[in-house]
Every structure is written in structure tokens, then in C-alpha cells.
PDB file of N, CA and C in Angstrom:
ATOM      1  N   MET A   1      12.990 -18.088 -34.711  1.00  0.00           N
ATOM      2  CA  MET A   1      13.371 -17.793 -33.502  1.00  0.00           C
ATOM      3  C   MET A   1      13.752 -19.141 -32.635  1.00  0.00           C
ATOM      4  N   ALA A   2      12.989 -20.034 -32.572  1.00  0.00           N
ATOM      5  CA  ALA A   2      13.021 -21.316 -31.863  1.00  0.00           C
ATOM      6  C   ALA A   2      14.506 -21.814 -32.367  1.00  0.00           C
ATOM      7  N   ARG A   3      14.610 -22.061 -33.769  1.00  0.00           N
ATOM      8  CA  ARG A   3      15.706 -22.579 -34.354  1.00  0.00           C
ATOM      9  C   ARG A   3      17.061 -21.740 -33.865  1.00  0.00           C
ATOM     10  N   GLY A   4      17.065 -20.469 -33.878  1.00  0.00           N
ATOM     11  CA  GLY A   4      18.167 -19.656 -33.346  1.00  0.00           C
ATOM     12  C   GLY A   4      18.500 -19.894 -32.045  1.00  0.00           C
ATOM     13  N   LEU A   5      17.573 -20.029 -31.077  1.00  0.00           N
ATOM     14  CA  LEU A   5      17.836 -20.177 -29.716  1.00  0.00           C
ATOM     15  C   LEU A   5      18.343 -21.707 -29.515  1.00  0.00           C
ATOM     16  N   ASP A   6      17.921 -22.600 -30.203  1.00  0.00           N
ATOM     17  CA  ASP A   6      18.274 -24.068 -30.252  1.00  0.00           C
ATOM     18  C   ASP A   6      19.741 -24.004 -30.800  1.00  0.00           C
ATOM     19  N   ALA A   7      20.123 -23.068 -31.783  1.00  0.00           N
ATOM     20  CA  ALA A   7      21.462 -23.111 -32.134  1.00  0.00           C
ATOM     21  C   ALA A   7      22.391 -22.532 -31.416  1.00  0.00           C
ATOM     22  N   GLY A   8      21.987 -21.562 -30.171  1.00  0.00           N
ATOM     23  CA  GLY A   8      22.799 -21.076 -29.301  1.00  0.00           C
ATOM     24  C   GLY A   8      22.755 -19.463 -29.242  1.00  0.00           C
ATOM     25  N   ALA A   9      21.581 -19.100 -29.935  1.00  0.00           N
ATOM     26  CA  ALA A   9      21.592 -17.569 -29.844  1.00  0.00           C
ATOM     27  C   ALA A   9      21.035 -17.232 -28.248  1.00  0.00           C
ATOM     28  N   ASP A  10      21.379 -16.078 -27.749  1.00  0.00           N
ATOM     29  CA  ASP A  10      21.146 -15.651 -26.608  1.00  0.00           C
ATOM     30  C   ASP A  10      19.974 -14.853 -26.530  1.00  0.00           C
ATOM     31  N   ASP A  11      19.800 -13.714 -27.463  1.00  0.00           N
ATOM     32  CA  ASP A  11      18.805 -12.944 -27.662  1.00  0.00           C
ATOM     33  C   ASP A  11      18.540 -12.427 -29.249  1.00  0.00           C
ATOM     34  N   PHE A  12      17.245 -11.852 -29.453  1.00  0.00           N
ATOM     35  CA  PHE A  12      17.189 -11.283 -30.645  1.00  0.00           C
ATOM     36  C   PHE A  12      16.770  -9.850 -30.794  1.00  0.00           C
ATOM     37  N   ILE A  13      17.075  -9.234 -31.694  1.00  0.00           N
ATOM     38  CA  ILE A  13      16.404  -7.724 -31.980  1.00  0.00           C
ATOM     39  C   ILE A  13      15.637  -7.962 -33.251  1.00  0.00           C
ATOM     40  N   HIS A  14      14.582  -7.529 -33.178  1.00  0.00           N
ATOM     41  CA  HIS A  14      13.446  -7.553 -34.245  1.00  0.00           C
ATOM     42  C   HIS A  14      13.500  -6.450 -35.116  1.00  0.00           C
ATOM     43  N   LYS A  15      13.313  -6.200 -36.398  1.00  0.00           N
ATOM     44  CA  LYS A  15      13.447  -5.157 -37.457  1.00  0.00           C
ATOM     45  C   LYS A  15      12.043  -4.779 -37.450  1.00  0.00           C
ATOM     46  N   PRO A  16      11.679  -3.414 -37.401  1.00  0.00           N
ATOM     47  CA  PRO A  16      12.762  -2.279 -37.595  1.00  0.00           C
ATOM     48  C   PRO A  16      13.366  -2.132 -36.095  1.00  0.00           C
ATOM     49  N   VAL A  17      14.624  -1.833 -36.097  1.00  0.00           N
ATOM     50  CA  VAL A  17      15.574  -1.745 -34.666  1.00  0.00           C
ATOM     51  C   VAL A  17      14.903  -0.431 -33.921  1.00  0.00           C
ATOM     52  N   ASN A  18      14.465  -0.803 -32.809  1.00  0.00           N
ATOM     53  CA  ASN A  18      14.265   0.473 -32.043  1.00  0.00           C
ATOM     54  C   ASN A  18      15.392   0.829 -30.909  1.00  0.00           C
ATOM     55  N   GLY A  19      15.963   2.002 -31.179  1.00  0.00           N
ATOM     56  CA  GLY A  19      17.212   2.367 -30.539  1.00  0.00           C
ATOM     57  C   GLY A  19      17.294   2.057 -29.001  1.00  0.00           C
ATOM     58  N   LEU A  20      15.901   2.514 -28.482  1.00  0.00           N
ATOM     59  CA  LEU A  20      15.601   2.430 -26.968  1.00  0.00           C
ATOM     60  C   LEU A  20      15.906   1.073 -26.463  1.00  0.00           C
ATOM     61  N   GLU A  21      15.073   0.248 -27.331  1.00  0.00           N
ATOM     62  CA  GLU A  21      15.309  -1.173 -26.920  1.00  0.00           C
ATOM     63  C   GLU A  21      16.717  -1.780 -27.162  1.00  0.00           C
ATOM     64  N   LEU A  22      17.277  -1.561 -28.272  1.00  0.00           N
ATOM     65  CA  LEU A  22      18.740  -2.087 -28.500  1.00  0.00           C
ATOM     66  C   LEU A  22      19.600  -1.502 -27.316  1.00  0.00           C
ATOM     67  N   ARG A  23      19.599  -0.200 -26.860  1.00  0.00           N
ATOM     68  CA  ARG A  23      20.482   0.077 -25.817  1.00  0.00           C
ATOM     69  C   ARG A  23      20.058  -0.678 -24.372  1.00  0.00           C
ATOM     70  N   ALA A  24      18.913  -0.977 -24.253  1.00  0.00           N
ATOM     71  CA  ALA A  24      18.450  -1.702 -23.100  1.00  0.00           C
ATOM     72  C   ALA A  24      18.926  -2.897 -23.118  1.00  0.00           C
ATOM     73  N   ARG A  25      18.929  -3.706 -24.228  1.00  0.00           N
ATOM     74  CA  ARG A  25      19.384  -5.046 -24.238  1.00  0.00           C
ATOM     75  C   ARG A  25      20.821  -5.075 -24.302  1.00  0.00           C
ATOM     76  N   VAL A  26      21.622  -4.026 -24.644  1.00  0.00           N
ATOM     77  CA  VAL A  26      23.092  -4.103 -24.502  1.00  0.00           C
ATOM     78  C   VAL A  26      23.200  -3.831 -22.945  1.00  0.00           C
ATOM     79  N   ARG A  27      22.747  -3.067 -22.500  1.00  0.00           N
ATOM     80  CA  ARG A  27      22.879  -2.726 -20.926  1.00  0.00           C
ATOM     81  C   ARG A  27      22.576  -4.082 -20.297  1.00  0.00           C
ATOM     82  N   SER A  28      21.596  -4.825 -20.544  1.00  0.00           N
ATOM     83  CA  SER A  28      21.176  -5.968 -19.897  1.00  0.00           C
ATOM     84  C   SER A  28      22.397  -7.054 -19.919  1.00  0.00           C
ATOM     85  N   MET A  29      22.653  -7.203 -21.340  1.00  0.00           N
ATOM     86  CA  MET A  29      23.846  -8.136 -21.769  1.00  0.00           C
ATOM     87  C   MET A  29      25.072  -7.758 -20.918  1.00  0.00           C
ATOM     88  N   LEU A  30      25.371  -6.669 -20.990  1.00  0.00           N
ATOM     89  CA  LEU A  30      26.718  -5.957 -20.134  1.00  0.00           C
ATOM     90  C   LEU A  30      26.707  -6.515 -18.572  1.00  0.00           C
ATOM     91  N   ARG A  31      25.347  -6.340 -17.986  1.00  0.00           N
ATOM     92  CA  ARG A  31      25.149  -6.613 -16.691  1.00  0.00           C
ATOM     93  C   ARG A  31      25.385  -8.123 -16.431  1.00  0.00           C
ATOM     94  N   ILE A  32      24.891  -8.993 -17.466  1.00  0.00           N
ATOM     95  CA  ILE A  32      24.830 -10.342 -17.298  1.00  0.00           C
ATOM     96  C   ILE A  32      26.595 -10.698 -17.227  1.00  0.00           C
ATOM     97  N   LYS A  33      27.218 -10.025 -18.223  1.00  0.00           N
ATOM     98  CA  LYS A  33      28.723 -10.406 -18.397  1.00  0.00           C
ATOM     99  C   LYS A  33      29.418  -9.968 -17.468  1.00  0.00           C
ATOM    100  N   GLN A  34      29.093  -8.929 -16.584  1.00  0.00           N
ATOM    101  CA  GLN A  34      29.548  -8.405 -15.328  1.00  0.00           C
ATOM    102  C   GLN A  34      29.526  -9.608 -14.315  1.00  0.00           C
ATOM    103  N   ARG A  35      28.250  -9.709 -14.154  1.00  0.00           N
ATOM    104  CA  ARG A  35      27.993 -10.878 -12.876  1.00  0.00           C
ATOM    105  C   ARG A  35      28.798 -12.234 -13.169  1.00  0.00           C
ATOM    106  N   HIS A  36      28.820 -12.347 -14.505  1.00  0.00           N
ATOM    107  CA  HIS A  36      29.616 -13.880 -14.940  1.00  0.00           C
ATOM    108  C   HIS A  36      30.987 -13.623 -14.454  1.00  0.00           C
ATOM    109  N   ASP A  37      31.531 -12.365 -14.875  1.00  0.00           N
ATOM    110  CA  ASP A  37      32.968 -12.133 -14.631  1.00  0.00           C
ATOM    111  C   ASP A  37      33.171 -12.269 -13.041  1.00  0.00           C
ATOM    112  N   GLU A  38      32.491 -11.542 -12.332  1.00  0.00           N
ATOM    113  CA  GLU A  38      32.653 -11.596 -10.851  1.00  0.00           C
ATOM    114  C   GLU A  38      32.492 -12.970 -10.275  1.00  0.00           C
ATOM    115  N   LEU A  39      31.518 -13.622 -10.794  1.00  0.00           N
ATOM    116  CA  LEU A  39      31.335 -14.978 -10.235  1.00  0.00           C
ATOM    117  C   LEU A  39      32.591 -15.831 -10.580  1.00  0.00           C
ATOM    118  N   GLN A  40      33.331 -15.710 -11.737  1.00  0.00           N
ATOM    119  CA  GLN A  40      34.296 -16.387 -12.055  1.00  0.00           C
ATOM    120  C   GLN A  40      35.622 -15.909 -11.173  1.00  0.00           C
ATOM    121  N   THR A  41      35.610 -14.567 -10.851  1.00  0.00           N
ATOM    122  CA  THR A  41      36.742 -14.448  -9.890  1.00  0.00           C
ATOM    123  C   THR A  41      36.487 -14.886  -8.467  1.00  0.00           C
ATOM    124  N   MET A  42      35.246 -14.866  -8.069  1.00  0.00           N
ATOM    125  CA  MET A  42      34.920 -15.385  -6.591  1.00  0.00           C
ATOM    126  C   MET A  42      35.337 -17.010  -6.786  1.00  0.00           C
ATOM    127  N   MET A  43      35.083 -17.566  -7.633  1.00  0.00           N
ATOM    128  CA  MET A  43      35.236 -18.937  -7.873  1.00  0.00           C
ATOM    129  C   MET A  43      36.673 -19.346  -7.861  1.00  0.00           C
ATOM    130  N   ARG A  44      37.525 -18.355  -8.526  1.00  0.00           N
ATOM    131  CA  ARG A  44      38.948 -18.500  -8.457  1.00  0.00           C
ATOM    132  C   ARG A  44      39.543 -18.301  -7.101  1.00  0.00           C
ATOM    133  N   LEU A  45      39.044 -17.316  -6.391  1.00  0.00           N
ATOM    134  CA  LEU A  45      39.365 -16.900  -4.977  1.00  0.00           C
ATOM    135  C   LEU A  45      39.002 -17.966  -4.027  1.00  0.00           C
ATOM    136  N   ARG A  46      37.760 -18.522  -4.460  1.00  0.00           N
ATOM    137  CA  ARG A  46      37.493 -19.650  -3.447  1.00  0.00           C
ATOM    138  C   ARG A  46      38.498 -20.888  -3.517  1.00  0.00           C
ATOM    139  N   ALA A  47      38.842 -21.175  -4.850  1.00  0.00           N
ATOM    140  CA  ALA A  47      39.655 -22.436  -5.071  1.00  0.00           C
ATOM    141  C   ALA A  47      41.084 -22.051  -4.367  1.00  0.00           C
ATOM    142  N   ASP A  48      41.652 -20.874  -4.684  1.00  0.00           N
ATOM    143  CA  ASP A  48      43.063 -20.234  -4.101  1.00  0.00           C
ATOM    144  C   ASP A  48      43.066 -20.536  -2.498  1.00  0.00           C
ATOM    145  N   LEU A  49      42.018 -20.112  -1.929  1.00  0.00           N
ATOM    146  CA  LEU A  49      41.743 -20.203  -0.612  1.00  0.00           C
ATOM    147  C   LEU A  49      41.676 -21.476   0.002  1.00  0.00           C
ATOM    148  N   SER A  50      41.044 -22.423  -0.843  1.00  0.00           N
ATOM    149  CA  SER A  50      40.958 -23.868  -0.226  1.00  0.00           C
ATOM    150  C   SER A  50      42.356 -24.368  -0.372  1.00  0.00           C
ATOM    151  N   ASP A  51      43.101 -24.131  -1.628  1.00  0.00           N
ATOM    152  CA  ASP A  51      44.393 -24.580  -1.706  1.00  0.00           C
ATOM    153  C   ASP A  51      45.506 -24.202  -0.615  1.00  0.00           C
ATOM    154  N   MET A  52      45.286 -22.923  -0.279  1.00  0.00           N
ATOM    155  CA  MET A  52      46.095 -22.331   0.823  1.00  0.00           C
ATOM    156  C   MET A  52      45.987 -23.013   2.139  1.00  0.00           C
ATOM    157  N   ILE A  53      44.575 -23.148   2.383  1.00  0.00           N
ATOM    158  CA  ILE A  53      44.142 -23.706   3.661  1.00  0.00           C
ATOM    159  C   ILE A  53      44.690 -25.409   3.651  1.00  0.00           C
ATOM    160  N   ILE A  54      44.268 -26.032   2.695  1.00  0.00           N
ATOM    161  CA  ILE A  54      45.096 -27.491   2.613  1.00  0.00           C
ATOM    162  C   ILE A  54      46.319 -27.651   2.772  1.00  0.00           C
ATOM    163  N   HIS A  55      47.398 -26.576   2.112  1.00  0.00           N
ATOM    164  CA  HIS A  55      48.643 -26.434   2.140  1.00  0.00           C
ATOM    165  C   HIS A  55      49.079 -26.261   3.623  1.00  0.00           C
ATOM    166  N   ASP A  56      48.244 -25.398   4.198  1.00  0.00           N
ATOM    167  CA  ASP A  56      48.931 -24.755   5.655  1.00  0.00           C
ATOM    168  C   ASP A  56      48.373 -25.934   6.570  1.00  0.00           C
ATOM    169  N   ILE A  57      47.375 -26.590   6.470  1.00  0.00           N
ATOM    170  CA  ILE A  57      46.963 -27.784   7.299  1.00  0.00           C
ATOM    171  C   ILE A  57      48.024 -29.031   7.178  1.00  0.00           C
ATOM    172  N   ARG A  58      48.506 -29.256   6.122  1.00  0.00           N
ATOM    173  CA  ARG A  58      49.414 -30.309   5.699  1.00  0.00           C
ATOM    174  C   ARG A  58      50.780 -30.116   6.115  1.00  0.00           C
ATOM    175  N   SER A  59      51.241 -28.849   6.124  1.00  0.00           N
ATOM    176  CA  SER A  59      52.672 -28.535   6.324  1.00  0.00           C
ATOM    177  C   SER A  59      53.095 -28.917   7.736  1.00  0.00           C
ATOM    178  N   PRO A  60      52.317 -28.527   8.892  1.00  0.00           N
ATOM    179  CA  PRO A  60      52.471 -28.964  10.244  1.00  0.00           C
ATOM    180  C   PRO A  60      52.380 -30.591  10.497  1.00  0.00           C
ATOM    181  N   LEU A  61      51.471 -31.001   9.752  1.00  0.00           N
ATOM    182  CA  LEU A  61      51.184 -32.360   9.722  1.00  0.00           C
ATOM    183  C   LEU A  61      52.402 -33.290   9.329  1.00  0.00           C
ATOM    184  N   THR A  62      53.030 -32.889   8.395  1.00  0.00           N
ATOM    185  CA  THR A  62      54.221 -33.545   7.600  1.00  0.00           C
ATOM    186  C   THR A  62      55.120 -33.428   8.604  1.00  0.00           C
ATOM    187  N   THR A  63      55.429 -32.290   9.411  1.00  0.00           N
ATOM    188  CA  THR A  63      56.541 -32.122  10.265  1.00  0.00           C
ATOM    189  C   THR A  63      56.302 -33.065  11.460  1.00  0.00           C
ATOM    190  N   ILE A  64      55.092 -33.054  11.936  1.00  0.00           N
ATOM    191  CA  ILE A  64      54.584 -34.015  13.186  1.00  0.00           C
ATOM    192  C   ILE A  64      54.964 -35.490  12.670  1.00  0.00           C
ATOM    193  N   THR A  65      54.441 -35.959  11.341  1.00  0.00           N
ATOM    194  CA  THR A  65      54.641 -37.200  11.159  1.00  0.00           C
ATOM    195  C   THR A  65      56.208 -37.537  11.163  1.00  0.00           C
ATOM    196  N   MET A  66      57.056 -36.722  10.515  1.00  0.00           N
ATOM    197  CA  MET A  66      58.338 -37.180  10.303  1.00  0.00           C
ATOM    198  C   MET A  66      59.164 -37.279  11.764  1.00  0.00           C
ATOM    199  N   TYR A  67      58.515 -36.230  12.640  1.00  0.00           N
ATOM    200  CA  TYR A  67      59.143 -36.416  13.787  1.00  0.00           C
ATOM    201  C   TYR A  67      58.815 -37.748  14.588  1.00  0.00           C
ATOM    202  N   CYS A  68      57.429 -38.048  14.602  1.00  0.00           N
ATOM    203  CA  CYS A  68      57.034 -39.459  15.122  1.00  0.00           C
ATOM    204  C   CYS A  68      57.597 -40.546  14.401  1.00  0.00           C
ATOM    205  N   ASP A  69      58.013 -40.411  13.138  1.00  0.00           N
ATOM    206  CA  ASP A  69      58.743 -41.759  12.518  1.00  0.00           C
ATOM    207  C   ASP A  69      60.212 -41.677  13.076  1.00  0.00           C
ATOM    208  N   LEU A  70      60.844 -40.668  13.169  1.00  0.00           N
ATOM    209  CA  LEU A  70      62.201 -40.663  14.092  1.00  0.00           C
ATOM    210  C   LEU A  70      61.955 -41.113  15.445  1.00  0.00           C
ATOM    211  N   LEU A  71      60.960 -40.738  16.083  1.00  0.00           N
ATOM    212  CA  LEU A  71      61.017 -41.424  17.478  1.00  0.00           C
ATOM    213  C   LEU A  71      60.611 -42.746  17.515  1.00  0.00           C
ATOM    214  N   GLN A  72      59.915 -43.065  16.501  1.00  0.00           N
ATOM    215  CA  GLN A  72      59.569 -44.653  16.555  1.00  0.00           C
ATOM    216  C   GLN A  72      60.885 -45.460  16.359  1.00  0.00           C
ATOM    217  N   ARG A  73      61.747 -44.951  15.803  1.00  0.00           N
ATOM    218  CA  ARG A  73      63.091 -45.580  15.404  1.00  0.00           C
ATOM    219  C   ARG A  73      63.980 -45.621  16.803  1.00  0.00           C
ATOM    220  N   TYR A  74      63.901 -44.672  17.381  1.00  0.00           N
ATOM    221  CA  TYR A  74      64.712 -44.781  18.613  1.00  0.00           C
ATOM    222  C   TYR A  74      64.001 -44.802  20.025  1.00  0.00           C
ATOM    223  N   THR A  75      62.903 -44.903  20.076  1.00  0.00           N
ATOM    224  CA  THR A  75      61.905 -45.246  21.354  1.00  0.00           C
ATOM    225  C   THR A  75      61.859 -46.705  21.521  1.00  0.00           C
ATOM    226  N   PRO A  76      62.557 -47.428  22.606  1.00  0.00           N
ATOM    227  CA  PRO A  76      62.212 -48.719  22.808  1.00  0.00           C
ATOM    228  C   PRO A  76      60.972 -49.245  23.447  1.00  0.00           C
ATOM    229  N   GLN A  77      60.408 -48.129  24.185  1.00  0.00           N
ATOM    230  CA  GLN A  77      59.114 -48.577  25.014  1.00  0.00           C
ATOM    231  C   GLN A  77      57.991 -48.880  24.311  1.00  0.00           C
ATOM    232  N   PRO A  78      57.387 -50.008  24.346  1.00  0.00           N
ATOM    233  CA  PRO A  78      56.243 -50.422  23.614  1.00  0.00           C
ATOM    234  C   PRO A  78      54.938 -49.489  23.811  1.00  0.00           C
ATOM    235  N   GLU A  79      54.745 -48.922  24.888  1.00  0.00           N
ATOM    236  CA  GLU A  79      53.706 -47.970  25.085  1.00  0.00           C
ATOM    237  C   GLU A  79      53.861 -46.587  24.118  1.00  0.00           C
ATOM    238  N   ALA A  80      55.217 -46.154  24.110  1.00  0.00           N
ATOM    239  CA  ALA A  80      55.483 -45.150  23.097  1.00  0.00           C
ATOM    240  C   ALA A  80      55.135 -45.428  21.935  1.00  0.00           C
ATOM    241  N   GLN A  81      55.865 -46.728  21.378  1.00  0.00           N
ATOM    242  CA  GLN A  81      55.595 -47.088  19.840  1.00  0.00           C
ATOM    243  C   GLN A  81      54.212 -47.004  19.723  1.00  0.00           C
ATOM    244  N   GLU A  82      53.308 -47.629  20.541  1.00  0.00           N
ATOM    245  CA  GLU A  82      51.939 -47.746  20.141  1.00  0.00           C
ATOM    246  C   GLU A  82      51.300 -46.435  19.967  1.00  0.00           C
ATOM    247  N   ALA A  83      51.681 -45.460  20.794  1.00  0.00           N
ATOM    248  CA  ALA A  83      51.046 -44.079  20.658  1.00  0.00           C
ATOM    249  C   ALA A  83      51.707 -43.321  19.557  1.00  0.00           C
ATOM    250  N   LEU A  84      52.958 -43.668  19.123  1.00  0.00           N
ATOM    251  CA  LEU A  84      53.504 -43.113  17.950  1.00  0.00           C
ATOM    252  C   LEU A  84      52.785 -43.505  16.932  1.00  0.00           C
ATOM    253  N   HIS A  85      52.494 -44.858  16.822  1.00  0.00           N
ATOM    254  CA  HIS A  85      51.787 -45.656  15.622  1.00  0.00           C
ATOM    255  C   HIS A  85      50.555 -45.125  15.716  1.00  0.00           C
ATOM    256  N   THR A  86      49.806 -44.876  16.579  1.00  0.00           N
ATOM    257  CA  THR A  86      48.350 -44.240  16.364  1.00  0.00           C
ATOM    258  C   THR A  86      48.292 -43.048  15.973  1.00  0.00           C
ATOM    259  N   ILE A  87      49.303 -42.129  16.189  1.00  0.00           N
ATOM    260  CA  ILE A  87      49.413 -40.722  15.728  1.00  0.00           C
ATOM    261  C   ILE A  87      49.725 -40.943  14.082  1.00  0.00           C
ATOM    262  N   THR A  88      50.656 -41.636  13.726  1.00  0.00           N
ATOM    263  CA  THR A  88      51.129 -41.656  12.421  1.00  0.00           C
ATOM    264  C   THR A  88      50.108 -42.237  11.463  1.00  0.00           C
ATOM    265  N   ALA A  89      49.373 -43.203  12.018  1.00  0.00           N
ATOM    266  CA  ALA A  89      48.295 -44.025  11.214  1.00  0.00           C
ATOM    267  C   ALA A  89      47.039 -43.178  11.149  1.00  0.00           C
ATOM    268  N   ARG A  90      46.612 -42.331  11.834  1.00  0.00           N
ATOM    269  CA  ARG A  90      45.502 -41.420  11.851  1.00  0.00           C
ATOM    270  C   ARG A  90      45.767 -40.445  10.540  1.00  0.00           C
ATOM    271  N   TRP A  91      46.920 -39.892  10.312  1.00  0.00           N
ATOM    272  CA  TRP A  91      47.212 -38.800   9.475  1.00  0.00           C
ATOM    273  C   TRP A  91      47.672 -39.372   8.091  1.00  0.00           C
ATOM    274  N   SER A  92      48.051 -40.917   8.037  1.00  0.00           N
ATOM    275  CA  SER A  92      48.239 -41.485   6.732  1.00  0.00           C
ATOM    276  C   SER A  92      47.051 -41.884   6.063  1.00  0.00           C
ATOM    277  N   ASP A  93      45.923 -42.193   6.614  1.00  0.00           N
ATOM    278  CA  ASP A  93      44.727 -42.530   5.936  1.00  0.00           C
ATOM    279  C   ASP A  93      44.315 -41.434   4.929  1.00  0.00           C
TER     280      ASP A  93
END
């Protein structure tokens, strides 16, 4: 039995097979499989949500950064240049 578990077995059924025990073990394994599948689904949803949030945050920041770059090219005031540099430097890190 120990060698079987070491080799990767999840469970054993002893002979002679008891029908009641067999059905209970099958139901138990089905519950474990269902929980595993639910967990996998939740992990996929979590990853998708994270990706969506990151994308939604980056989109406006990219637009703001582009406009700051344009303003830096056409704004002669040193104070404005410094402020624009501060804005773009924080998002590029």
C-alpha cells in the first residue's frame, strides 16, 4: 500500500469489494474533482480580472504620458517642463 501511494495512487479499494464503500469512495473522489475544477475556474477568473484591471489602468496613463510628451516639446516655460518631466518620470518607472 505504501509503495502504491509513493508511486502516485490516490486511494485503494480492498478485496473483497464492498459496494457501499465503493460508492462512497467514488462520491468522495467526485467531490474532490468538483472542488478542483471550481478552484481552477476561480483562478482563471482571478487572472482575467487582474489582466483587465492592469489594462484599464495602463490605457489612460499611456494617453496622459503621450500628451505630456507633446507638451514638453512645445512648452518653453521651465516650470512647466519640470512639472511635465515629473509626471512622465513617475509613470515610466
